[in-house]
Amino acid sequence: EGPYPPYYQKSEVLKLSSYTGKVVILDFWATWCPPCRKGIPDLIQLKKDYKDKGVEVIGVSLDALTHGGATAADVIPFMKSNKINYPIVRGDNEVINNFGGISSIPTSFVVDKEGYIIATYVGFVEKSAYENDIKKALKGGYDKKNLKKAPQFTLDVIK
């Protein structure tokens, strides 16, 4: 179906709503994108450092939607070779539109435990910026009236 290799099976889905109560870093990326690749080791480390503190990292691969899907088959080998320790889902046009249209990658969102977007980044993000956002989200106590809730999604897990 589409540009996906036959071993790419639609089986498991990930629902953002099942992460309520956790701080989530959502990273929209693709394997062909140099700044995306540069940021992945930090995301892997953040997942290790904060996994017991209620923090999750979710990668949203846009490989199937960019460059005519030419790199869709590269995602699984890339995940394995980089030892990615967080779920990667297959992004679709609906999730891109719901998050305001992703015009450049990487684009990432930090979502607090109640589902509010507390930070949005376009381009490579220093690990320390994510750490500050995580600490803020875990601590709470900030004004949410001008924050937007992250759009809910259900996407296929790539594995």
N, C-alpha and C. Protein backbone atom coordinates (compact mmCIF):
# COMPACT_ATOMS: atom_id res chain seq x y z
N GLU A 1 0.85 -1.19 0.00
CA GLU A 1 0.00 0.00 0.00
C GLU A 1 0.89 1.23 0.00
N GLY A 2 0.80 2.02 -1.02
CA GLY A 2 1.62 3.24 -1.11
C GLY A 2 3.09 2.91 -1.27
N PRO A 3 3.96 3.81 -0.80
CA PRO A 3 5.40 3.63 -1.01
C PRO A 3 6.06 2.73 0.03
N TYR A 4 5.26 2.01 0.82
CA TYR A 4 5.84 1.23 1.91
C TYR A 4 6.24 -0.15 1.45
N PRO A 5 7.37 -0.61 1.95
CA PRO A 5 7.79 -1.98 1.62
C PRO A 5 6.83 -2.99 2.24
N PRO A 6 6.80 -4.21 1.72
CA PRO A 6 5.83 -5.21 2.19
C PRO A 6 5.98 -5.56 3.67
N TYR A 7 7.19 -5.45 4.23
CA TYR A 7 7.36 -5.81 5.64
C TYR A 7 6.80 -4.74 6.57
N TYR A 8 6.39 -3.63 5.99
CA TYR A 8 5.87 -2.52 6.78
C TYR A 8 4.41 -2.82 7.06
N GLN A 9 4.12 -3.27 8.26
CA GLN A 9 2.77 -3.71 8.53
C GLN A 9 2.03 -2.73 9.41
N LYS A 10 0.76 -2.55 9.09
CA LYS A 10 -0.08 -1.68 9.91
C LYS A 10 -0.63 -2.55 11.02
N SER A 11 -0.05 -2.43 12.19
CA SER A 11 -0.57 -3.27 13.27
C SER A 11 -0.84 -2.42 14.49
N GLU A 12 0.21 -1.86 15.04
CA GLU A 12 0.08 -1.14 16.29
C GLU A 12 -0.14 0.34 16.04
N VAL A 13 -1.03 0.94 16.81
CA VAL A 13 -1.22 2.38 16.71
C VAL A 13 -0.85 3.03 18.04
N LEU A 14 -0.51 4.29 17.95
CA LEU A 14 -0.19 5.08 19.13
C LEU A 14 -1.20 6.22 19.20
N LYS A 15 -1.82 6.38 20.35
CA LYS A 15 -2.77 7.47 20.58
C LYS A 15 -2.13 8.47 21.52
N LEU A 16 -2.10 9.72 21.12
CA LEU A 16 -1.54 10.74 22.01
C LEU A 16 -2.30 10.79 23.33
N SER A 17 -3.61 10.55 23.27
CA SER A 17 -4.43 10.62 24.49
C SER A 17 -3.98 9.62 25.55
N SER A 18 -3.32 8.54 25.16
CA SER A 18 -2.88 7.57 26.16
C SER A 18 -1.65 8.05 26.93
N TYR A 19 -1.12 9.23 26.58
CA TYR A 19 0.03 9.79 27.29
C TYR A 19 -0.38 10.92 28.24
N THR A 20 -1.69 11.10 28.45
CA THR A 20 -2.14 12.10 29.43
C THR A 20 -1.53 11.73 30.77
N GLY A 21 -1.03 12.74 31.49
CA GLY A 21 -0.35 12.47 32.75
C GLY A 21 1.16 12.37 32.59
N LYS A 22 1.62 12.41 31.33
CA LYS A 22 3.06 12.41 31.05
C LYS A 22 3.42 13.68 30.30
N VAL A 23 4.68 14.06 30.40
CA VAL A 23 5.21 15.14 29.58
C VAL A 23 5.69 14.49 28.29
N VAL A 24 5.30 15.04 27.15
CA VAL A 24 5.63 14.42 25.87
C VAL A 24 6.39 15.41 25.00
N ILE A 25 7.52 14.94 24.44
CA ILE A 25 8.20 15.69 23.39
C ILE A 25 7.78 15.03 22.08
N LEU A 26 7.12 15.81 21.23
CA LEU A 26 6.71 15.33 19.91
C LEU A 26 7.66 15.90 18.89
N ASP A 27 8.35 15.04 18.17
CA ASP A 27 9.37 15.49 17.23
C ASP A 27 8.96 15.09 15.81
N PHE A 28 8.63 16.08 14.98
CA PHE A 28 8.33 15.82 13.57
C PHE A 28 9.66 15.87 12.82
N TRP A 29 9.99 14.79 12.11
CA TRP A 29 11.32 14.66 11.52
C TRP A 29 11.28 13.75 10.29
N ALA A 30 12.42 13.63 9.63
CA ALA A 30 12.61 12.66 8.53
C ALA A 30 14.07 12.22 8.51
N THR A 31 14.30 11.04 7.98
CA THR A 31 15.67 10.48 7.97
C THR A 31 16.62 11.30 7.12
N TRP A 32 16.11 11.98 6.08
CA TRP A 32 16.98 12.71 5.15
C TRP A 32 17.37 14.09 5.66
N CYS A 33 16.86 14.49 6.82
CA CYS A 33 17.00 15.87 7.31
C CYS A 33 18.18 15.98 8.28
N PRO A 34 19.27 16.68 7.89
CA PRO A 34 20.46 16.74 8.76
C PRO A 34 20.20 17.29 10.17
N PRO A 35 19.46 18.41 10.35
CA PRO A 35 19.23 18.86 11.73
C PRO A 35 18.36 17.88 12.54
N CYS A 36 17.49 17.14 11.84
CA CYS A 36 16.68 16.12 12.54
C CYS A 36 17.61 15.04 13.08
N ARG A 37 18.52 14.59 12.21
CA ARG A 37 19.46 13.53 12.61
C ARG A 37 20.34 13.99 13.76
N LYS A 38 20.73 15.28 13.72
CA LYS A 38 21.60 15.83 14.76
C LYS A 38 20.90 15.80 16.12
N GLY A 39 19.59 16.02 16.14
CA GLY A 39 18.86 16.10 17.41
C GLY A 39 18.49 14.76 18.02
N ILE A 40 18.51 13.69 17.23
CA ILE A 40 18.04 12.40 17.72
C ILE A 40 18.85 11.85 18.90
N PRO A 41 20.19 11.95 18.91
CA PRO A 41 20.91 11.46 20.10
C PRO A 41 20.46 12.14 21.40
N ASP A 42 20.13 13.42 21.33
CA ASP A 42 19.63 14.12 22.52
C ASP A 42 18.27 13.57 22.94
N LEU A 43 17.41 13.29 21.98
CA LEU A 43 16.09 12.75 22.31
C LEU A 43 16.23 11.36 22.94
N ILE A 44 17.17 10.57 22.41
CA ILE A 44 17.43 9.25 22.99
C ILE A 44 17.90 9.40 24.44
N GLN A 45 18.79 10.36 24.68
CA GLN A 45 19.31 10.58 26.03
C GLN A 45 18.21 11.11 26.96
N LEU A 46 17.38 12.02 26.47
CA LEU A 46 16.27 12.54 27.29
C LEU A 46 15.33 11.41 27.69
N LYS A 47 15.05 10.52 26.76
CA LYS A 47 14.18 9.37 27.06
C LYS A 47 14.81 8.53 28.19
N LYS A 48 16.12 8.31 28.11
CA LYS A 48 16.81 7.54 29.15
C LYS A 48 16.78 8.28 30.48
N ASP A 49 17.09 9.58 30.45
CA ASP A 49 17.22 10.36 31.68
C ASP A 49 15.89 10.56 32.40
N TYR A 50 14.80 10.64 31.65
CA TYR A 50 13.52 11.04 32.26
C TYR A 50 12.44 9.98 32.18
N LYS A 51 12.78 8.77 31.72
CA LYS A 51 11.73 7.77 31.53
C LYS A 51 11.01 7.42 32.83
N ASP A 52 11.73 7.47 33.94
CA ASP A 52 11.11 7.15 35.23
C ASP A 52 10.45 8.36 35.87
N LYS A 53 10.49 9.49 35.19
CA LYS A 53 9.91 10.72 35.75
C LYS A 53 8.64 11.12 35.00
N GLY A 54 8.13 10.21 34.16
CA GLY A 54 6.88 10.52 33.46
C GLY A 54 7.07 11.34 32.21
N VAL A 55 8.17 11.11 31.48
CA VAL A 55 8.42 11.83 30.24
C VAL A 55 8.50 10.83 29.09
N GLU A 56 7.87 11.16 27.97
CA GLU A 56 7.93 10.31 26.79
C GLU A 56 8.35 11.14 25.60
N VAL A 57 9.07 10.51 24.70
CA VAL A 57 9.44 11.12 23.43
C VAL A 57 8.70 10.34 22.35
N ILE A 58 8.10 11.05 21.42
CA ILE A 58 7.43 10.40 20.29
C ILE A 58 7.96 11.06 19.01
N GLY A 59 8.49 10.25 18.13
CA GLY A 59 8.95 10.75 16.84
C GLY A 59 7.84 10.58 15.81
N VAL A 60 7.57 11.64 15.05
CA VAL A 60 6.58 11.57 13.98
C VAL A 60 7.34 11.65 12.66
N SER A 61 7.50 10.50 12.02
CA SER A 61 8.26 10.44 10.78
C SER A 61 7.45 11.00 9.62
N LEU A 62 8.06 11.93 8.89
CA LEU A 62 7.42 12.48 7.70
C LEU A 62 8.07 11.95 6.43
N ASP A 63 8.84 10.87 6.56
CA ASP A 63 9.53 10.31 5.39
C ASP A 63 8.56 9.93 4.27
N ALA A 64 7.40 9.39 4.62
CA ALA A 64 6.46 8.94 3.58
C ALA A 64 5.80 10.10 2.85
N LEU A 65 5.84 11.29 3.46
CA LEU A 65 5.15 12.45 2.88
C LEU A 65 6.09 13.42 2.19
N THR A 66 7.39 13.23 2.35
CA THR A 66 8.37 14.17 1.81
C THR A 66 9.19 13.47 0.74
N HIS A 67 9.72 14.23 -0.17
CA HIS A 67 10.56 13.67 -1.25
C HIS A 67 9.86 12.51 -1.96
N GLY A 68 8.55 12.63 -2.11
CA GLY A 68 7.78 11.59 -2.80
C GLY A 68 7.80 10.24 -2.11
N GLY A 69 8.08 10.24 -0.81
CA GLY A 69 8.10 8.98 -0.07
C GLY A 69 9.37 8.17 -0.31
N ALA A 70 10.36 8.79 -0.95
CA ALA A 70 11.57 8.05 -1.34
C ALA A 70 12.31 7.43 -0.16
N THR A 71 12.19 8.04 1.04
CA THR A 71 12.95 7.53 2.18
C THR A 71 12.09 6.76 3.18
N ALA A 72 10.83 6.46 2.82
CA ALA A 72 9.95 5.74 3.75
C ALA A 72 10.55 4.41 4.19
N ALA A 73 11.23 3.73 3.27
CA ALA A 73 11.82 2.43 3.61
C ALA A 73 13.08 2.56 4.47
N ASP A 74 13.59 3.79 4.62
CA ASP A 74 14.81 4.00 5.40
C ASP A 74 14.55 4.12 6.90
N VAL A 75 13.29 4.33 7.29
CA VAL A 75 12.99 4.65 8.68
C VAL A 75 13.39 3.50 9.62
N ILE A 76 12.96 2.28 9.31
CA ILE A 76 13.25 1.16 10.22
C ILE A 76 14.75 0.91 10.33
N PRO A 77 15.50 0.83 9.21
CA PRO A 77 16.96 0.67 9.35
C PRO A 77 17.60 1.83 10.13
N PHE A 78 17.10 3.04 9.93
CA PHE A 78 17.62 4.21 10.65
C PHE A 78 17.36 4.07 12.14
N MET A 79 16.15 3.65 12.50
CA MET A 79 15.81 3.46 13.91
C MET A 79 16.74 2.44 14.54
N LYS A 80 16.99 1.34 13.82
CA LYS A 80 17.85 0.29 14.36
C LYS A 80 19.29 0.76 14.49
N SER A 81 19.82 1.40 13.45
CA SER A 81 21.23 1.78 13.47
C SER A 81 21.50 2.87 14.50
N ASN A 82 20.49 3.70 14.79
CA ASN A 82 20.67 4.76 15.78
C ASN A 82 20.16 4.36 17.17
N LYS A 83 19.68 3.12 17.28
CA LYS A 83 19.18 2.60 18.56
C LYS A 83 18.15 3.54 19.19
N ILE A 84 17.19 3.96 18.37
CA ILE A 84 16.13 4.84 18.86
C ILE A 84 15.28 4.08 19.87
N ASN A 85 15.13 4.66 21.05
CA ASN A 85 14.49 3.98 22.18
C ASN A 85 13.10 4.53 22.49
N TYR A 86 12.53 5.26 21.55
CA TYR A 86 11.19 5.82 21.75
C TYR A 86 10.35 5.50 20.52
N PRO A 87 9.03 5.53 20.66
CA PRO A 87 8.20 5.15 19.52
C PRO A 87 8.28 6.16 18.38
N ILE A 88 8.25 5.62 17.17
CA ILE A 88 8.20 6.43 15.95
C ILE A 88 6.88 6.07 15.26
N VAL A 89 6.12 7.10 14.94
CA VAL A 89 4.85 6.89 14.24
C VAL A 89 4.93 7.49 12.85
N ARG A 90 4.04 7.01 11.99
CA ARG A 90 3.99 7.48 10.61
C ARG A 90 3.08 8.70 10.54
N GLY A 91 3.68 9.86 10.31
CA GLY A 91 2.90 11.09 10.20
C GLY A 91 2.02 11.07 8.96
N ASP A 92 0.89 11.76 9.05
CA ASP A 92 0.02 11.90 7.88
C ASP A 92 -0.37 13.38 7.74
N ASN A 93 -1.04 13.69 6.64
CA ASN A 93 -1.40 15.09 6.39
C ASN A 93 -2.33 15.65 7.45
N GLU A 94 -3.17 14.80 8.01
CA GLU A 94 -4.10 15.26 9.03
C GLU A 94 -3.35 15.76 10.27
N VAL A 95 -2.38 14.98 10.74
CA VAL A 95 -1.64 15.41 11.95
C VAL A 95 -0.83 16.67 11.66
N ILE A 96 -0.28 16.78 10.47
CA ILE A 96 0.47 17.98 10.09
C ILE A 96 -0.45 19.20 10.13
N ASN A 97 -1.63 19.06 9.54
CA ASN A 97 -2.58 20.18 9.52
C ASN A 97 -3.07 20.52 10.92
N ASN A 98 -3.34 19.49 11.72
CA ASN A 98 -3.84 19.72 13.08
C ASN A 98 -2.83 20.46 13.95
N PHE A 99 -1.55 20.26 13.67
CA PHE A 99 -0.50 20.94 14.43
C PHE A 99 -0.09 22.26 13.75
N GLY A 100 -0.95 22.78 12.92
CA GLY A 100 -0.74 24.11 12.36
C GLY A 100 0.06 24.13 11.07
N GLY A 101 0.25 22.96 10.48
CA GLY A 101 1.02 22.90 9.23
C GLY A 101 2.50 22.93 9.54
N ILE A 102 3.16 21.82 9.39
CA ILE A 102 4.60 21.73 9.66
C ILE A 102 5.31 22.18 8.39
N SER A 103 5.92 23.36 8.42
CA SER A 103 6.52 23.90 7.19
C SER A 103 8.01 23.61 7.10
N SER A 104 8.60 23.20 8.22
CA SER A 104 10.03 22.95 8.24
C SER A 104 10.29 21.87 9.29
N ILE A 105 11.25 21.00 9.01
CA ILE A 105 11.59 19.99 10.01
C ILE A 105 13.06 20.12 10.38
N PRO A 106 13.42 19.75 11.59
CA PRO A 106 12.51 19.26 12.63
C PRO A 106 11.63 20.38 13.19
N THR A 107 10.42 20.00 13.55
CA THR A 107 9.55 20.85 14.35
C THR A 107 9.15 20.00 15.54
N SER A 108 9.27 20.56 16.72
CA SER A 108 8.92 19.77 17.90
C SER A 108 8.04 20.57 18.85
N PHE A 109 7.28 19.83 19.61
CA PHE A 109 6.34 20.39 20.58
C PHE A 109 6.58 19.71 21.91
N VAL A 110 6.56 20.49 22.97
CA VAL A 110 6.61 19.91 24.31
C VAL A 110 5.21 20.06 24.88
N VAL A 111 4.63 18.92 25.27
CA VAL A 111 3.25 18.85 25.73
C VAL A 111 3.27 18.48 27.21
N ASP A 112 2.55 19.24 28.03
CA ASP A 112 2.56 18.95 29.47
C ASP A 112 1.60 17.81 29.82
N LYS A 113 1.54 17.50 31.12
CA LYS A 113 0.77 16.34 31.58
C LYS A 113 -0.72 16.45 31.29
N GLU A 114 -1.21 17.68 31.13
CA GLU A 114 -2.63 17.87 30.85
C GLU A 114 -2.90 18.04 29.36
N GLY A 115 -1.85 17.91 28.54
CA GLY A 115 -2.04 17.99 27.10
C GLY A 115 -1.86 19.37 26.49
N TYR A 116 -1.36 20.33 27.29
CA TYR A 116 -1.12 21.67 26.76
C TYR A 116 0.26 21.76 26.12
N ILE A 117 0.34 22.46 24.99
CA ILE A 117 1.64 22.68 24.34
C ILE A 117 2.32 23.83 25.06
N ILE A 118 3.45 23.54 25.72
CA ILE A 118 4.15 24.60 26.47
C ILE A 118 5.35 25.15 25.70
N ALA A 119 5.76 24.46 24.64
CA ALA A 119 6.87 24.97 23.82
C ALA A 119 6.76 24.40 22.42
N THR A 120 7.14 25.22 21.45
CA THR A 120 7.19 24.80 20.05
C THR A 120 8.54 25.24 19.50
N TYR A 121 9.21 24.34 18.81
CA TYR A 121 10.51 24.66 18.23
C TYR A 121 10.52 24.29 16.76
N VAL A 122 11.09 25.17 15.94
CA VAL A 122 11.32 24.85 14.54
C VAL A 122 12.83 24.85 14.36
N GLY A 123 13.36 23.72 13.89
CA GLY A 123 14.81 23.60 13.74
C GLY A 123 15.41 22.80 14.90
N PHE A 124 16.71 22.65 14.85
CA PHE A 124 17.44 21.90 15.87
C PHE A 124 17.26 22.56 17.24
N VAL A 125 17.06 21.73 18.25
CA VAL A 125 16.85 22.22 19.62
C VAL A 125 17.97 21.70 20.51
N GLU A 126 18.56 22.60 21.29
CA GLU A 126 19.55 22.16 22.27
C GLU A 126 18.85 21.34 23.34
N LYS A 127 19.54 20.30 23.81
CA LYS A 127 18.99 19.41 24.83
C LYS A 127 18.59 20.20 26.08
N SER A 128 19.38 21.21 26.43
CA SER A 128 19.09 22.00 27.63
C SER A 128 17.74 22.71 27.53
N ALA A 129 17.32 23.10 26.33
CA ALA A 129 16.01 23.75 26.16
C ALA A 129 14.90 22.76 26.51
N TYR A 130 15.03 21.53 25.99
CA TYR A 130 14.05 20.49 26.32
C TYR A 130 14.05 20.24 27.83
N GLU A 131 15.24 20.18 28.42
CA GLU A 131 15.32 19.89 29.86
C GLU A 131 14.62 20.99 30.67
N ASN A 132 14.80 22.24 30.27
CA ASN A 132 14.10 23.33 30.96
C ASN A 132 12.59 23.18 30.84
N ASP A 133 12.12 22.81 29.64
CA ASP A 133 10.68 22.62 29.43
C ASP A 133 10.16 21.44 30.25
N ILE A 134 10.93 20.36 30.29
CA ILE A 134 10.52 19.18 31.06
C ILE A 134 10.39 19.55 32.54
N LYS A 135 11.40 20.25 33.05
CA LYS A 135 11.37 20.64 34.47
C LYS A 135 10.17 21.53 34.75
N LYS A 136 9.92 22.49 33.86
CA LYS A 136 8.77 23.39 34.02
C LYS A 136 7.47 22.57 34.03
N ALA A 137 7.34 21.64 33.08
CA ALA A 137 6.11 20.85 32.95
C ALA A 137 5.92 19.94 34.16
N LEU A 138 7.01 19.35 34.66
CA LEU A 138 6.90 18.46 35.81
C LEU A 138 6.53 19.24 37.07
N LYS A 139 7.06 20.45 37.16
CA LYS A 139 6.80 21.29 38.34
C LYS A 139 5.38 21.88 38.29
N GLY A 140 4.93 22.27 37.09
CA GLY A 140 3.60 22.86 36.95
C GLY A 140 3.55 24.26 37.54
N GLY A 141 2.34 24.71 37.82
CA GLY A 141 2.17 26.01 38.44
C GLY A 141 2.28 27.20 37.50
N TYR A 142 2.23 26.98 36.20
CA TYR A 142 2.30 28.08 35.25
C TYR A 142 0.90 28.35 34.70
N ASP A 143 0.72 29.54 34.15
CA ASP A 143 -0.57 29.97 33.63
C ASP A 143 -0.84 29.27 32.29
N LYS A 144 -1.99 28.61 32.22
CA LYS A 144 -2.31 27.86 31.00
C LYS A 144 -3.34 28.55 30.13
N LYS A 145 -3.80 29.75 30.52
CA LYS A 145 -4.94 30.30 29.79
C LYS A 145 -4.62 30.67 28.36
N ASN A 146 -3.36 30.94 28.05
CA ASN A 146 -2.99 31.26 26.67
C ASN A 146 -2.38 30.08 25.93
N LEU A 147 -2.39 28.92 26.56
CA LEU A 147 -1.81 27.74 25.93
C LEU A 147 -2.90 26.98 25.18
N LYS A 148 -2.46 26.31 24.10
CA LYS A 148 -3.39 25.49 23.33
C LYS A 148 -3.17 24.03 23.70
N LYS A 149 -4.24 23.27 23.64
CA LYS A 149 -4.14 21.82 23.84
C LYS A 149 -3.54 21.22 22.56
N ALA A 150 -2.72 20.19 22.75
CA ALA A 150 -2.17 19.48 21.60
C ALA A 150 -3.30 18.73 20.90
N PRO A 151 -3.38 18.81 19.57
CA PRO A 151 -4.40 18.04 18.86
C PRO A 151 -4.19 16.54 19.07
N GLN A 152 -5.27 15.84 19.29
CA GLN A 152 -5.17 14.39 19.50
C GLN A 152 -4.92 13.70 18.16
N PHE A 153 -4.22 12.56 18.22
CA PHE A 153 -4.03 11.78 17.00
C PHE A 153 -3.88 10.31 17.35
N THR A 154 -4.15 9.49 16.36
CA THR A 154 -3.90 8.06 16.42
C THR A 154 -3.13 7.74 15.15
N LEU A 155 -1.87 7.31 15.30
CA LEU A 155 -1.02 7.05 14.14
C LEU A 155 -0.39 5.67 14.24
N ASP A 156 -0.07 5.11 13.07
CA ASP A 156 0.58 3.80 13.02
C ASP A 156 2.00 3.87 13.55
N VAL A 157 2.34 2.91 14.39
CA VAL A 157 3.71 2.81 14.90
C VAL A 157 4.57 2.12 13.85
N ILE A 158 5.75 2.67 13.61
CA ILE A 158 6.69 2.07 12.66
C ILE A 158 7.62 1.17 13.46
N LYS A 159 7.68 -0.09 13.10
CA LYS A 159 8.65 -0.97 13.76
C LYS A 159 9.01 -2.16 12.92
